Amino acid sequence: MPAALALAALLGLACVGFGAFGAHGVADPKAQEWLRTGALYGFVHVLAVFAADRYGARLAPPLYLFGVLVFSGSLFAMALGAPRWLGAITPIGGVSFMAGWAALAWAVARRQT
């Protein structure tokens, strides 16, 4: 799990950078929106990695991290000029986020029984 926590910390760092870039370095409103959305969802799920680790939910952190890479990463890439068809993979990251939350709920429920 230490590797997942280290990756989560690095992704948190990236989210700060992309969020700041969206707030101060981009004029295009659509790119600003992509950066803001990617940073928000990235932050939430980076923090969720740490919560999942605390509850011993081993499946949730990789799902969250994959979601950040795909969901937030595709939005960040499009904001930087990648083709818009890349947005077709963004929902895959969203599904990974949801699967991570389900895995965390399962782990917490199992722990309480």
PDB file of N, CA and C in Angstrom:
ATOM      1  N   MET A   1       0.805  -1.214   0.000  1.00  0.00           N
ATOM      2  CA  MET A   1       0.000   0.000   0.000  1.00  0.00           C
ATOM      3  C   MET A   1       0.844   1.273   0.000  1.00  0.00           C
ATOM      4  N   PRO A   2       2.086   1.265   0.495  1.00  0.00           N
ATOM      5  CA  PRO A   2       2.873   2.504   0.469  1.00  0.00           C
ATOM      6  C   PRO A   2       3.045   3.073  -0.944  1.00  0.00           C
ATOM      7  N   ALA A   3       3.158   2.201  -1.951  1.00  0.00           N
ATOM      8  CA  ALA A   3       3.295   2.693  -3.325  1.00  0.00           C
ATOM      9  C   ALA A   3       2.026   3.425  -3.764  1.00  0.00           C
ATOM     10  N   ALA A   4       0.868   2.903  -3.393  1.00  0.00           N
ATOM     11  CA  ALA A   4      -0.396   3.561  -3.747  1.00  0.00           C
ATOM     12  C   ALA A   4      -0.507   4.913  -3.057  1.00  0.00           C
ATOM     13  N   LEU A   5      -0.056   4.976  -1.808  1.00  0.00           N
ATOM     14  CA  LEU A   5      -0.111   6.250  -1.083  1.00  0.00           C
ATOM     15  C   LEU A   5       0.850   7.262  -1.695  1.00  0.00           C
ATOM     16  N   ALA A   6       2.020   6.804  -2.102  1.00  0.00           N
ATOM     17  CA  ALA A   6       2.982   7.707  -2.750  1.00  0.00           C
ATOM     18  C   ALA A   6       2.424   8.208  -4.078  1.00  0.00           C
ATOM     19  N   LEU A   7       1.824   7.307  -4.866  1.00  0.00           N
ATOM     20  CA  LEU A   7       1.225   7.724  -6.135  1.00  0.00           C
ATOM     21  C   LEU A   7       0.083   8.699  -5.885  1.00  0.00           C
ATOM     22  N   ALA A   8      -0.723   8.439  -4.863  1.00  0.00           N
ATOM     23  CA  ALA A   8      -1.819   9.355  -4.525  1.00  0.00           C
ATOM     24  C   ALA A   8      -1.276  10.735  -4.184  1.00  0.00           C
ATOM     25  N   ALA A   9      -0.184  10.782  -3.435  1.00  0.00           N
ATOM     26  CA  ALA A   9       0.409  12.074  -3.083  1.00  0.00           C
ATOM     27  C   ALA A   9       0.900  12.807  -4.329  1.00  0.00           C
ATOM     28  N   LEU A  10       1.513  12.086  -5.253  1.00  0.00           N
ATOM     29  CA  LEU A  10       1.983  12.718  -6.494  1.00  0.00           C
ATOM     30  C   LEU A  10       0.813  13.198  -7.351  1.00  0.00           C
ATOM     31  N   LEU A  11      -0.249  12.419  -7.389  1.00  0.00           N
ATOM     32  CA  LEU A  11      -1.430  12.856  -8.139  1.00  0.00           C
ATOM     33  C   LEU A  11      -2.076  14.067  -7.478  1.00  0.00           C
ATOM     34  N   GLY A  12      -2.046  14.124  -6.151  1.00  0.00           N
ATOM     35  CA  GLY A  12      -2.531  15.320  -5.452  1.00  0.00           C
ATOM     36  C   GLY A  12      -1.719  16.538  -5.845  1.00  0.00           C
ATOM     37  N   LEU A  13      -0.410  16.367  -5.924  1.00  0.00           N
ATOM     38  CA  LEU A  13       0.477  17.443  -6.377  1.00  0.00           C
ATOM     39  C   LEU A  13       0.096  17.898  -7.783  1.00  0.00           C
ATOM     40  N   ALA A  14      -0.136  16.933  -8.669  1.00  0.00           N
ATOM     41  CA  ALA A  14      -0.522  17.264 -10.042  1.00  0.00           C
ATOM     42  C   ALA A  14      -1.854  18.011 -10.069  1.00  0.00           C
ATOM     43  N   CYS A  15      -2.793  17.600  -9.234  1.00  0.00           N
ATOM     44  CA  CYS A  15      -4.096  18.273  -9.191  1.00  0.00           C
ATOM     45  C   CYS A  15      -3.960  19.722  -8.746  1.00  0.00           C
ATOM     46  N   VAL A  16      -3.086  19.981  -7.782  1.00  0.00           N
ATOM     47  CA  VAL A  16      -2.841  21.371  -7.366  1.00  0.00           C
ATOM     48  C   VAL A  16      -2.302  22.165  -8.547  1.00  0.00           C
ATOM     49  N   GLY A  17      -1.328  21.603  -9.237  1.00  0.00           N
ATOM     50  CA  GLY A  17      -0.734  22.300 -10.377  1.00  0.00           C
ATOM     51  C   GLY A  17      -1.734  22.573 -11.488  1.00  0.00           C
ATOM     52  N   PHE A  18      -2.500  21.552 -11.868  1.00  0.00           N
ATOM     53  CA  PHE A  18      -3.476  21.747 -12.940  1.00  0.00           C
ATOM     54  C   PHE A  18      -4.605  22.679 -12.511  1.00  0.00           C
ATOM     55  N   GLY A  19      -5.013  22.598 -11.249  1.00  0.00           N
ATOM     56  CA  GLY A  19      -6.041  23.513 -10.750  1.00  0.00           C
ATOM     57  C   GLY A  19      -5.569  24.954 -10.788  1.00  0.00           C
ATOM     58  N   ALA A  20      -4.327  25.184 -10.371  1.00  0.00           N
ATOM     59  CA  ALA A  20      -3.762  26.537 -10.404  1.00  0.00           C
ATOM     60  C   ALA A  20      -3.606  27.025 -11.838  1.00  0.00           C
ATOM     61  N   PHE A  21      -3.181  26.128 -12.711  1.00  0.00           N
ATOM     62  CA  PHE A  21      -3.036  26.492 -14.118  1.00  0.00           C
ATOM     63  C   PHE A  21      -4.388  26.896 -14.701  1.00  0.00           C
ATOM     64  N   GLY A  22      -5.429  26.152 -14.348  1.00  0.00           N
ATOM     65  CA  GLY A  22      -6.769  26.485 -14.829  1.00  0.00           C
ATOM     66  C   GLY A  22      -7.267  27.810 -14.293  1.00  0.00           C
ATOM     67  N   ALA A  23      -6.891  28.128 -13.064  1.00  0.00           N
ATOM     68  CA  ALA A  23      -7.352  29.374 -12.444  1.00  0.00           C
ATOM     69  C   ALA A  23      -6.580  30.591 -12.919  1.00  0.00           C
ATOM     70  N   HIS A  24      -5.317  30.406 -13.279  1.00  0.00           N
ATOM     71  CA  HIS A  24      -4.471  31.571 -13.558  1.00  0.00           C
ATOM     72  C   HIS A  24      -3.784  31.576 -14.918  1.00  0.00           C
ATOM     73  N   GLY A  25      -3.752  30.437 -15.615  1.00  0.00           N
ATOM     74  CA  GLY A  25      -2.939  30.395 -16.818  1.00  0.00           C
ATOM     75  C   GLY A  25      -3.657  30.062 -18.100  1.00  0.00           C
ATOM     76  N   VAL A  26      -4.979  29.945 -18.052  1.00  0.00           N
ATOM     77  CA  VAL A  26      -5.734  29.534 -19.235  1.00  0.00           C
ATOM     78  C   VAL A  26      -6.867  30.526 -19.469  1.00  0.00           C
ATOM     79  N   ALA A  27      -7.001  30.968 -20.704  1.00  0.00           N
ATOM     80  CA  ALA A  27      -8.055  31.926 -21.033  1.00  0.00           C
ATOM     81  C   ALA A  27      -9.327  31.238 -21.537  1.00  0.00           C
ATOM     82  N   ASP A  28      -9.172  30.091 -22.187  1.00  0.00           N
ATOM     83  CA  ASP A  28     -10.312  29.398 -22.780  1.00  0.00           C
ATOM     84  C   ASP A  28     -11.244  28.859 -21.687  1.00  0.00           C
ATOM     85  N   PRO A  29     -12.518  29.284 -21.685  1.00  0.00           N
ATOM     86  CA  PRO A  29     -13.451  28.845 -20.639  1.00  0.00           C
ATOM     87  C   PRO A  29     -13.649  27.325 -20.589  1.00  0.00           C
ATOM     88  N   LYS A  30     -13.651  26.667 -21.747  1.00  0.00           N
ATOM     89  CA  LYS A  30     -13.835  25.208 -21.765  1.00  0.00           C
ATOM     90  C   LYS A  30     -12.633  24.524 -21.126  1.00  0.00           C
ATOM     91  N   ALA A  31     -11.431  24.988 -21.440  1.00  0.00           N
ATOM     92  CA  ALA A  31     -10.221  24.425 -20.831  1.00  0.00           C
ATOM     93  C   ALA A  31     -10.214  24.675 -19.324  1.00  0.00           C
ATOM     94  N   GLN A  32     -10.665  25.851 -18.909  1.00  0.00           N
ATOM     95  CA  GLN A  32     -10.753  26.145 -17.471  1.00  0.00           C
ATOM     96  C   GLN A  32     -11.704  25.165 -16.781  1.00  0.00           C
ATOM     97  N   GLU A  33     -12.831  24.901 -17.422  1.00  0.00           N
ATOM     98  CA  GLU A  33     -13.815  23.974 -16.857  1.00  0.00           C
ATOM     99  C   GLU A  33     -13.234  22.566 -16.740  1.00  0.00           C
ATOM    100  N   TRP A  34     -12.547  22.118 -17.788  1.00  0.00           N
ATOM    101  CA  TRP A  34     -11.934  20.785 -17.744  1.00  0.00           C
ATOM    102  C   TRP A  34     -10.901  20.696 -16.627  1.00  0.00           C
ATOM    103  N   LEU A  35     -10.084  21.728 -16.492  1.00  0.00           N
ATOM    104  CA  LEU A  35      -9.057  21.725 -15.446  1.00  0.00           C
ATOM    105  C   LEU A  35      -9.684  21.753 -14.055  1.00  0.00           C
ATOM    106  N   ARG A  36     -10.706  22.558 -13.885  1.00  0.00           N
ATOM    107  CA  ARG A  36     -11.394  22.650 -12.591  1.00  0.00           C
ATOM    108  C   ARG A  36     -12.048  21.310 -12.237  1.00  0.00           C
ATOM    109  N   THR A  37     -12.744  20.720 -13.192  1.00  0.00           N
ATOM    110  CA  THR A  37     -13.417  19.440 -12.941  1.00  0.00           C
ATOM    111  C   THR A  37     -12.403  18.334 -12.669  1.00  0.00           C
ATOM    112  N   GLY A  38     -11.363  18.267 -13.485  1.00  0.00           N
ATOM    113  CA  GLY A  38     -10.332  17.244 -13.282  1.00  0.00           C
ATOM    114  C   GLY A  38      -9.655  17.374 -11.937  1.00  0.00           C
ATOM    115  N   ALA A  39      -9.355  18.612 -11.539  1.00  0.00           N
ATOM    116  CA  ALA A  39      -8.698  18.832 -10.246  1.00  0.00           C
ATOM    117  C   ALA A  39      -9.630  18.460  -9.092  1.00  0.00           C
ATOM    118  N   LEU A  40     -10.889  18.855  -9.171  1.00  0.00           N
ATOM    119  CA  LEU A  40     -11.838  18.553  -8.096  1.00  0.00           C
ATOM    120  C   LEU A  40     -11.992  17.047  -7.900  1.00  0.00           C
ATOM    121  N   TYR A  41     -12.292  16.338  -8.979  1.00  0.00           N
ATOM    122  CA  TYR A  41     -12.475  14.892  -8.870  1.00  0.00           C
ATOM    123  C   TYR A  41     -11.169  14.203  -8.484  1.00  0.00           C
ATOM    124  N   GLY A  42     -10.068  14.718  -8.985  1.00  0.00           N
ATOM    125  CA  GLY A  42      -8.775  14.157  -8.605  1.00  0.00           C
ATOM    126  C   GLY A  42      -8.515  14.300  -7.121  1.00  0.00           C
ATOM    127  N   PHE A  43      -8.723  15.502  -6.581  1.00  0.00           N
ATOM    128  CA  PHE A  43      -8.513  15.738  -5.144  1.00  0.00           C
ATOM    129  C   PHE A  43      -9.369  14.811  -4.288  1.00  0.00           C
ATOM    130  N   VAL A  44     -10.640  14.751  -4.607  1.00  0.00           N
ATOM    131  CA  VAL A  44     -11.561  13.928  -3.814  1.00  0.00           C
ATOM    132  C   VAL A  44     -11.074  12.482  -3.768  1.00  0.00           C
ATOM    133  N   HIS A  45     -10.646  11.967  -4.913  1.00  0.00           N
ATOM    134  CA  HIS A  45     -10.289  10.554  -4.969  1.00  0.00           C
ATOM    135  C   HIS A  45      -8.877  10.274  -4.472  1.00  0.00           C
ATOM    136  N   VAL A  46      -8.002  11.254  -4.534  1.00  0.00           N
ATOM    137  CA  VAL A  46      -6.693  11.109  -3.888  1.00  0.00           C
ATOM    138  C   VAL A  46      -6.898  10.990  -2.378  1.00  0.00           C
ATOM    139  N   LEU A  47      -7.748  11.833  -1.821  1.00  0.00           N
ATOM    140  CA  LEU A  47      -8.036  11.746  -0.385  1.00  0.00           C
ATOM    141  C   LEU A  47      -8.737  10.432  -0.038  1.00  0.00           C
ATOM    142  N   ALA A  48      -9.578   9.964  -0.943  1.00  0.00           N
ATOM    143  CA  ALA A  48     -10.272   8.696  -0.710  1.00  0.00           C
ATOM    144  C   ALA A  48      -9.288   7.527  -0.643  1.00  0.00           C
ATOM    145  N   VAL A  49      -8.172   7.613  -1.359  1.00  0.00           N
ATOM    146  CA  VAL A  49      -7.149   6.565  -1.277  1.00  0.00           C
ATOM    147  C   VAL A  49      -6.668   6.427   0.166  1.00  0.00           C
ATOM    148  N   PHE A  50      -6.422   7.560   0.815  1.00  0.00           N
ATOM    149  CA  PHE A  50      -5.946   7.531   2.197  1.00  0.00           C
ATOM    150  C   PHE A  50      -7.020   6.985   3.146  1.00  0.00           C
ATOM    151  N   ALA A  51      -8.273   7.344   2.911  1.00  0.00           N
ATOM    152  CA  ALA A  51      -9.365   6.819   3.736  1.00  0.00           C
ATOM    153  C   ALA A  51      -9.506   5.310   3.537  1.00  0.00           C
ATOM    154  N   ALA A  52      -9.426   4.877   2.298  1.00  0.00           N
ATOM    155  CA  ALA A  52      -9.566   3.449   2.002  1.00  0.00           C
ATOM    156  C   ALA A  52      -8.439   2.655   2.655  1.00  0.00           C
ATOM    157  N   ASP A  53      -7.247   3.226   2.658  1.00  0.00           N
ATOM    158  CA  ASP A  53      -6.115   2.558   3.300  1.00  0.00           C
ATOM    159  C   ASP A  53      -6.384   2.370   4.792  1.00  0.00           C
ATOM    160  N   ARG A  54      -6.982   3.358   5.397  1.00  0.00           N
ATOM    161  CA  ARG A  54      -7.277   3.287   6.835  1.00  0.00           C
ATOM    162  C   ARG A  54      -8.261   2.168   7.159  1.00  0.00           C
ATOM    163  N   TYR A  55      -9.168   1.881   6.236  1.00  0.00           N
ATOM    164  CA  TYR A  55     -10.174   0.847   6.462  1.00  0.00           C
ATOM    165  C   TYR A  55      -9.785  -0.504   5.865  1.00  0.00           C
ATOM    166  N   GLY A  56      -8.592  -0.613   5.352  1.00  0.00           N
ATOM    167  CA  GLY A  56      -8.138  -1.886   4.803  1.00  0.00           C
ATOM    168  C   GLY A  56      -8.850  -2.303   3.534  1.00  0.00           C
ATOM    169  N   ALA A  57      -9.376  -1.350   2.805  1.00  0.00           N
ATOM    170  CA  ALA A  57     -10.072  -1.638   1.547  1.00  0.00           C
ATOM    171  C   ALA A  57      -9.030  -1.719   0.433  1.00  0.00           C
ATOM    172  N   ARG A  58      -8.496  -2.894   0.218  1.00  0.00           N
ATOM    173  CA  ARG A  58      -7.377  -3.044  -0.720  1.00  0.00           C
ATOM    174  C   ARG A  58      -7.757  -2.821  -2.173  1.00  0.00           C
ATOM    175  N   LEU A  59      -8.985  -3.063  -2.537  1.00  0.00           N
ATOM    176  CA  LEU A  59      -9.398  -2.909  -3.932  1.00  0.00           C
ATOM    177  C   LEU A  59      -9.711  -1.456  -4.288  1.00  0.00           C
ATOM    178  N   ALA A  60     -10.166  -0.673  -3.328  1.00  0.00           N
ATOM    179  CA  ALA A  60     -10.586   0.701  -3.617  1.00  0.00           C
ATOM    180  C   ALA A  60      -9.445   1.605  -4.098  1.00  0.00           C
ATOM    181  N   PRO A  61      -8.281   1.635  -3.444  1.00  0.00           N
ATOM    182  CA  PRO A  61      -7.240   2.569  -3.893  1.00  0.00           C
ATOM    183  C   PRO A  61      -6.825   2.420  -5.355  1.00  0.00           C
ATOM    184  N   PRO A  62      -6.595   1.186  -5.862  1.00  0.00           N
ATOM    185  CA  PRO A  62      -6.239   1.109  -7.281  1.00  0.00           C
ATOM    186  C   PRO A  62      -7.357   1.603  -8.202  1.00  0.00           C
ATOM    187  N   LEU A  63      -8.604   1.365  -7.794  1.00  0.00           N
ATOM    188  CA  LEU A  63      -9.724   1.850  -8.606  1.00  0.00           C
ATOM    189  C   LEU A  63      -9.777   3.374  -8.606  1.00  0.00           C
ATOM    190  N   TYR A  64      -9.568   3.982  -7.436  1.00  0.00           N
ATOM    191  CA  TYR A  64      -9.529   5.444  -7.365  1.00  0.00           C
ATOM    192  C   TYR A  64      -8.375   5.998  -8.201  1.00  0.00           C
ATOM    193  N   LEU A  65      -7.197   5.396  -8.058  1.00  0.00           N
ATOM    194  CA  LEU A  65      -6.020   5.907  -8.768  1.00  0.00           C
ATOM    195  C   LEU A  65      -6.185   5.768 -10.277  1.00  0.00           C
ATOM    196  N   PHE A  66      -6.710   4.624 -10.720  1.00  0.00           N
ATOM    197  CA  PHE A  66      -6.984   4.452 -12.145  1.00  0.00           C
ATOM    198  C   PHE A  66      -7.984   5.506 -12.611  1.00  0.00           C
ATOM    199  N   GLY A  67      -9.005   5.746 -11.796  1.00  0.00           N
ATOM    200  CA  GLY A  67      -9.994   6.764 -12.138  1.00  0.00           C
ATOM    201  C   GLY A  67      -9.389   8.146 -12.272  1.00  0.00           C
ATOM    202  N   VAL A  68      -8.491   8.502 -11.357  1.00  0.00           N
ATOM    203  CA  VAL A  68      -7.836   9.817 -11.448  1.00  0.00           C
ATOM    204  C   VAL A  68      -7.015   9.897 -12.727  1.00  0.00           C
ATOM    205  N   LEU A  69      -6.266   8.850 -13.017  1.00  0.00           N
ATOM    206  CA  LEU A  69      -5.435   8.871 -14.224  1.00  0.00           C
ATOM    207  C   LEU A  69      -6.282   9.007 -15.485  1.00  0.00           C
ATOM    208  N   VAL A  70      -7.382   8.271 -15.554  1.00  0.00           N
ATOM    209  CA  VAL A  70      -8.202   8.275 -16.774  1.00  0.00           C
ATOM    210  C   VAL A  70      -9.159   9.463 -16.805  1.00  0.00           C
ATOM    211  N   PHE A  71      -9.926   9.675 -15.731  1.00  0.00           N
ATOM    212  CA  PHE A  71     -10.916  10.756 -15.714  1.00  0.00           C
ATOM    213  C   PHE A  71     -10.223  12.112 -15.729  1.00  0.00           C
ATOM    214  N   SER A  72      -9.473  12.384 -14.670  1.00  0.00           N
ATOM    215  CA  SER A  72      -8.808  13.689 -14.573  1.00  0.00           C
ATOM    216  C   SER A  72      -7.758  13.837 -15.662  1.00  0.00           C
ATOM    217  N   GLY A  73      -7.008  12.765 -15.903  1.00  0.00           N
ATOM    218  CA  GLY A  73      -5.946  12.835 -16.912  1.00  0.00           C
ATOM    219  C   GLY A  73      -6.461  13.181 -18.295  1.00  0.00           C
ATOM    220  N   SER A  74      -7.589  12.607 -18.689  1.00  0.00           N
ATOM    221  CA  SER A  74      -8.135  12.924 -20.015  1.00  0.00           C
ATOM    222  C   SER A  74      -8.612  14.373 -20.080  1.00  0.00           C
ATOM    223  N   LEU A  75      -9.197  14.867 -18.994  1.00  0.00           N
ATOM    224  CA  LEU A  75      -9.627  16.272 -18.973  1.00  0.00           C
ATOM    225  C   LEU A  75      -8.422  17.212 -19.015  1.00  0.00           C
ATOM    226  N   PHE A  76      -7.381  16.889 -18.243  1.00  0.00           N
ATOM    227  CA  PHE A  76      -6.169  17.711 -18.262  1.00  0.00           C
ATOM    228  C   PHE A  76      -5.552  17.706 -19.656  1.00  0.00           C
ATOM    229  N   ALA A  77      -5.505  16.543 -20.274  1.00  0.00           N
ATOM    230  CA  ALA A  77      -4.911  16.434 -21.609  1.00  0.00           C
ATOM    231  C   ALA A  77      -5.689  17.267 -22.627  1.00  0.00           C
ATOM    232  N   MET A  78      -7.013  17.204 -22.579  1.00  0.00           N
ATOM    233  CA  MET A  78      -7.812  18.000 -23.520  1.00  0.00           C
ATOM    234  C   MET A  78      -7.617  19.487 -23.273  1.00  0.00           C
ATOM    235  N   ALA A  79      -7.495  19.884 -22.009  1.00  0.00           N
ATOM    236  CA  ALA A  79      -7.266  21.300 -21.700  1.00  0.00           C
ATOM    237  C   ALA A  79      -5.930  21.776 -22.257  1.00  0.00           C
ATOM    238  N   LEU A  80      -4.979  20.844 -22.374  1.00  0.00           N
ATOM    239  CA  LEU A  80      -3.658  21.186 -22.912  1.00  0.00           C
ATOM    240  C   LEU A  80      -3.582  21.039 -24.425  1.00  0.00           C
ATOM    241  N   GLY A  81      -4.707  20.685 -25.063  1.00  0.00           N
ATOM    242  CA  GLY A  81      -4.739  20.646 -26.515  1.00  0.00           C
ATOM    243  C   GLY A  81      -4.887  19.275 -27.143  1.00  0.00           C
ATOM    244  N   ALA A  82      -5.010  18.226 -26.345  1.00  0.00           N
ATOM    245  CA  ALA A  82      -5.225  16.892 -26.914  1.00  0.00           C
ATOM    246  C   ALA A  82      -6.567  16.879 -27.647  1.00  0.00           C
ATOM    247  N   PRO A  83      -6.719  15.997 -28.618  1.00  0.00           N
ATOM    248  CA  PRO A  83      -7.982  15.953 -29.370  1.00  0.00           C
ATOM    249  C   PRO A  83      -9.181  15.668 -28.465  1.00  0.00           C
ATOM    250  N   ARG A  84     -10.295  16.247 -28.811  1.00  0.00           N
ATOM    251  CA  ARG A  84     -11.503  16.108 -27.985  1.00  0.00           C
ATOM    252  C   ARG A  84     -12.053  14.692 -27.954  1.00  0.00           C
ATOM    253  N   TRP A  85     -11.699  13.863 -28.932  1.00  0.00           N
ATOM    254  CA  TRP A  85     -12.170  12.481 -28.890  1.00  0.00           C
ATOM    255  C   TRP A  85     -11.629  11.756 -27.660  1.00  0.00           C
ATOM    256  N   LEU A  86     -10.574  12.286 -27.066  1.00  0.00           N
ATOM    257  CA  LEU A  86     -10.032  11.692 -25.848  1.00  0.00           C
ATOM    258  C   LEU A  86     -11.071  11.722 -24.722  1.00  0.00           C
ATOM    259  N   GLY A  87     -12.008  12.643 -24.812  1.00  0.00           N
ATOM    260  CA  GLY A  87     -13.081  12.714 -23.826  1.00  0.00           C
ATOM    261  C   GLY A  87     -13.940  11.458 -23.791  1.00  0.00           C
ATOM    262  N   ALA A  88     -13.848  10.634 -24.820  1.00  0.00           N
ATOM    263  CA  ALA A  88     -14.617   9.388 -24.841  1.00  0.00           C
ATOM    264  C   ALA A  88     -14.168   8.420 -23.752  1.00  0.00           C
ATOM    265  N   ILE A  89     -12.928   8.550 -23.266  1.00  0.00           N
ATOM    266  CA  ILE A  89     -12.469   7.643 -22.209  1.00  0.00           C
ATOM    267  C   ILE A  89     -12.748   8.186 -20.809  1.00  0.00           C
ATOM    268  N   THR A  90     -13.121   9.451 -20.717  1.00  0.00           N
ATOM    269  CA  THR A  90     -13.357  10.064 -19.409  1.00  0.00           C
ATOM    270  C   THR A  90     -14.366   9.272 -18.574  1.00  0.00           C
ATOM    271  N   PRO A  91     -15.491   8.815 -19.141  1.00  0.00           N
ATOM    272  CA  PRO A  91     -16.448   8.055 -18.332  1.00  0.00           C
ATOM    273  C   PRO A  91     -15.890   6.742 -17.774  1.00  0.00           C
ATOM    274  N   ILE A  92     -14.877   6.179 -18.420  1.00  0.00           N
ATOM    275  CA  ILE A  92     -14.261   4.959 -17.889  1.00  0.00           C
ATOM    276  C   ILE A  92     -13.654   5.264 -16.520  1.00  0.00           C
ATOM    277  N   GLY A  93     -13.029   6.424 -16.411  1.00  0.00           N
ATOM    278  CA  GLY A  93     -12.501   6.844 -15.116  1.00  0.00           C
ATOM    279  C   GLY A  93     -13.605   7.048 -14.097  1.00  0.00           C
ATOM    280  N   GLY A  94     -14.731   7.603 -14.537  1.00  0.00           N
ATOM    281  CA  GLY A  94     -15.867   7.798 -13.635  1.00  0.00           C
ATOM    282  C   GLY A  94     -16.423   6.482 -13.116  1.00  0.00           C
ATOM    283  N   VAL A  95     -16.499   5.492 -13.977  1.00  0.00           N
ATOM    284  CA  VAL A  95     -16.962   4.169 -13.553  1.00  0.00           C
ATOM    285  C   VAL A  95     -15.971   3.566 -12.557  1.00  0.00           C
ATOM    286  N   SER A  96     -14.695   3.796 -12.785  1.00  0.00           N
ATOM    287  CA  SER A  96     -13.679   3.313 -11.847  1.00  0.00           C
ATOM    288  C   SER A  96     -13.839   3.978 -10.477  1.00  0.00           C
ATOM    289  N   PHE A  97     -14.140   5.274 -10.474  1.00  0.00           N
ATOM    290  CA  PHE A  97     -14.420   5.961  -9.202  1.00  0.00           C
ATOM    291  C   PHE A  97     -15.582   5.280  -8.471  1.00  0.00           C
ATOM    292  N   MET A  98     -16.665   5.037  -9.196  1.00  0.00           N
ATOM    293  CA  MET A  98     -17.844   4.430  -8.572  1.00  0.00           C
ATOM    294  C   MET A  98     -17.534   3.036  -8.050  1.00  0.00           C
ATOM    295  N   ALA A  99     -16.765   2.270  -8.806  1.00  0.00           N
ATOM    296  CA  ALA A  99     -16.377   0.933  -8.348  1.00  0.00           C
ATOM    297  C   ALA A  99     -15.526   1.030  -7.084  1.00  0.00           C
ATOM    298  N   GLY A 100     -14.676   2.042  -7.018  1.00  0.00           N
ATOM    299  CA  GLY A 100     -13.871   2.252  -5.818  1.00  0.00           C
ATOM    300  C   GLY A 100     -14.734   2.541  -4.603  1.00  0.00           C
ATOM    301  N   TRP A 101     -15.746   3.369  -4.777  1.00  0.00           N
ATOM    302  CA  TRP A 101     -16.646   3.670  -3.654  1.00  0.00           C
ATOM    303  C   TRP A 101     -17.402   2.420  -3.225  1.00  0.00           C
ATOM    304  N   ALA A 102     -17.822   1.611  -4.186  1.00  0.00           N
ATOM    305  CA  ALA A 102     -18.505   0.355  -3.844  1.00  0.00           C
ATOM    306  C   ALA A 102     -17.555  -0.572  -3.082  1.00  0.00           C
ATOM    307  N   ALA A 103     -16.303  -0.639  -3.512  1.00  0.00           N
ATOM    308  CA  ALA A 103     -15.316  -1.481  -2.826  1.00  0.00           C
ATOM    309  C   ALA A 103     -15.063  -0.978  -1.408  1.00  0.00           C
ATOM    310  N   LEU A 104     -15.015   0.332  -1.238  1.00  0.00           N
ATOM    311  CA  LEU A 104     -14.820   0.888   0.103  1.00  0.00           C
ATOM    312  C   LEU A 104     -16.025   0.579   0.992  1.00  0.00           C
ATOM    313  N   ALA A 105     -17.223   0.745   0.459  1.00  0.00           N
ATOM    314  CA  ALA A 105     -18.435   0.438   1.233  1.00  0.00           C
ATOM    315  C   ALA A 105     -18.444  -1.032   1.653  1.00  0.00           C
ATOM    316  N   TRP A 106     -18.073  -1.907   0.744  1.00  0.00           N
ATOM    317  CA  TRP A 106     -18.020  -3.339   1.038  1.00  0.00           C
ATOM    318  C   TRP A 106     -17.007  -3.619   2.147  1.00  0.00           C
ATOM    319  N   ALA A 107     -15.836  -3.019   2.053  1.00  0.00           N
ATOM    320  CA  ALA A 107     -14.786  -3.245   3.053  1.00  0.00           C
ATOM    321  C   ALA A 107     -15.211  -2.735   4.427  1.00  0.00           C
ATOM    322  N   VAL A 108     -15.843  -1.578   4.459  1.00  0.00           N
ATOM    323  CA  VAL A 108     -16.292  -1.019   5.738  1.00  0.00           C
ATOM    324  C   VAL A 108     -17.392  -1.896   6.333  1.00  0.00           C
ATOM    325  N   ALA A 109     -18.342  -2.325   5.508  1.00  0.00           N
ATOM    326  CA  ALA A 109     -19.434  -3.179   5.991  1.00  0.00           C
ATOM    327  C   ALA A 109     -18.891  -4.511   6.507  1.00  0.00           C
ATOM    328  N   ARG A 110     -17.942  -5.082   5.806  1.00  0.00           N
ATOM    329  CA  ARG A 110     -17.336  -6.352   6.238  1.00  0.00           C
ATOM    330  C   ARG A 110     -16.590  -6.196   7.555  1.00  0.00           C
ATOM    331  N   ARG A 111     -15.971  -5.060   7.714  1.00  0.00           N
ATOM    332  CA  ARG A 111     -15.185  -4.805   8.927  1.00  0.00           C
ATOM    333  C   ARG A 111     -16.086  -4.697  10.160  1.00  0.00           C
ATOM    334  N   GLN A 112     -17.306  -4.240   9.959  1.00  0.00           N
ATOM    335  CA  GLN A 112     -18.226  -4.032  11.080  1.00  0.00           C
ATOM    336  C   GLN A 112     -18.975  -5.300  11.468  1.00  0.00           C
ATOM    337  N   THR A 113     -18.840  -6.357  10.687  1.00  0.00           N
ATOM    338  CA  THR A 113     -19.562  -7.596  11.021  1.00  0.00           C
ATOM    339  C   THR A 113     -18.671  -8.567  11.749  1.00  0.00           C
TER     340      THR A 113
END
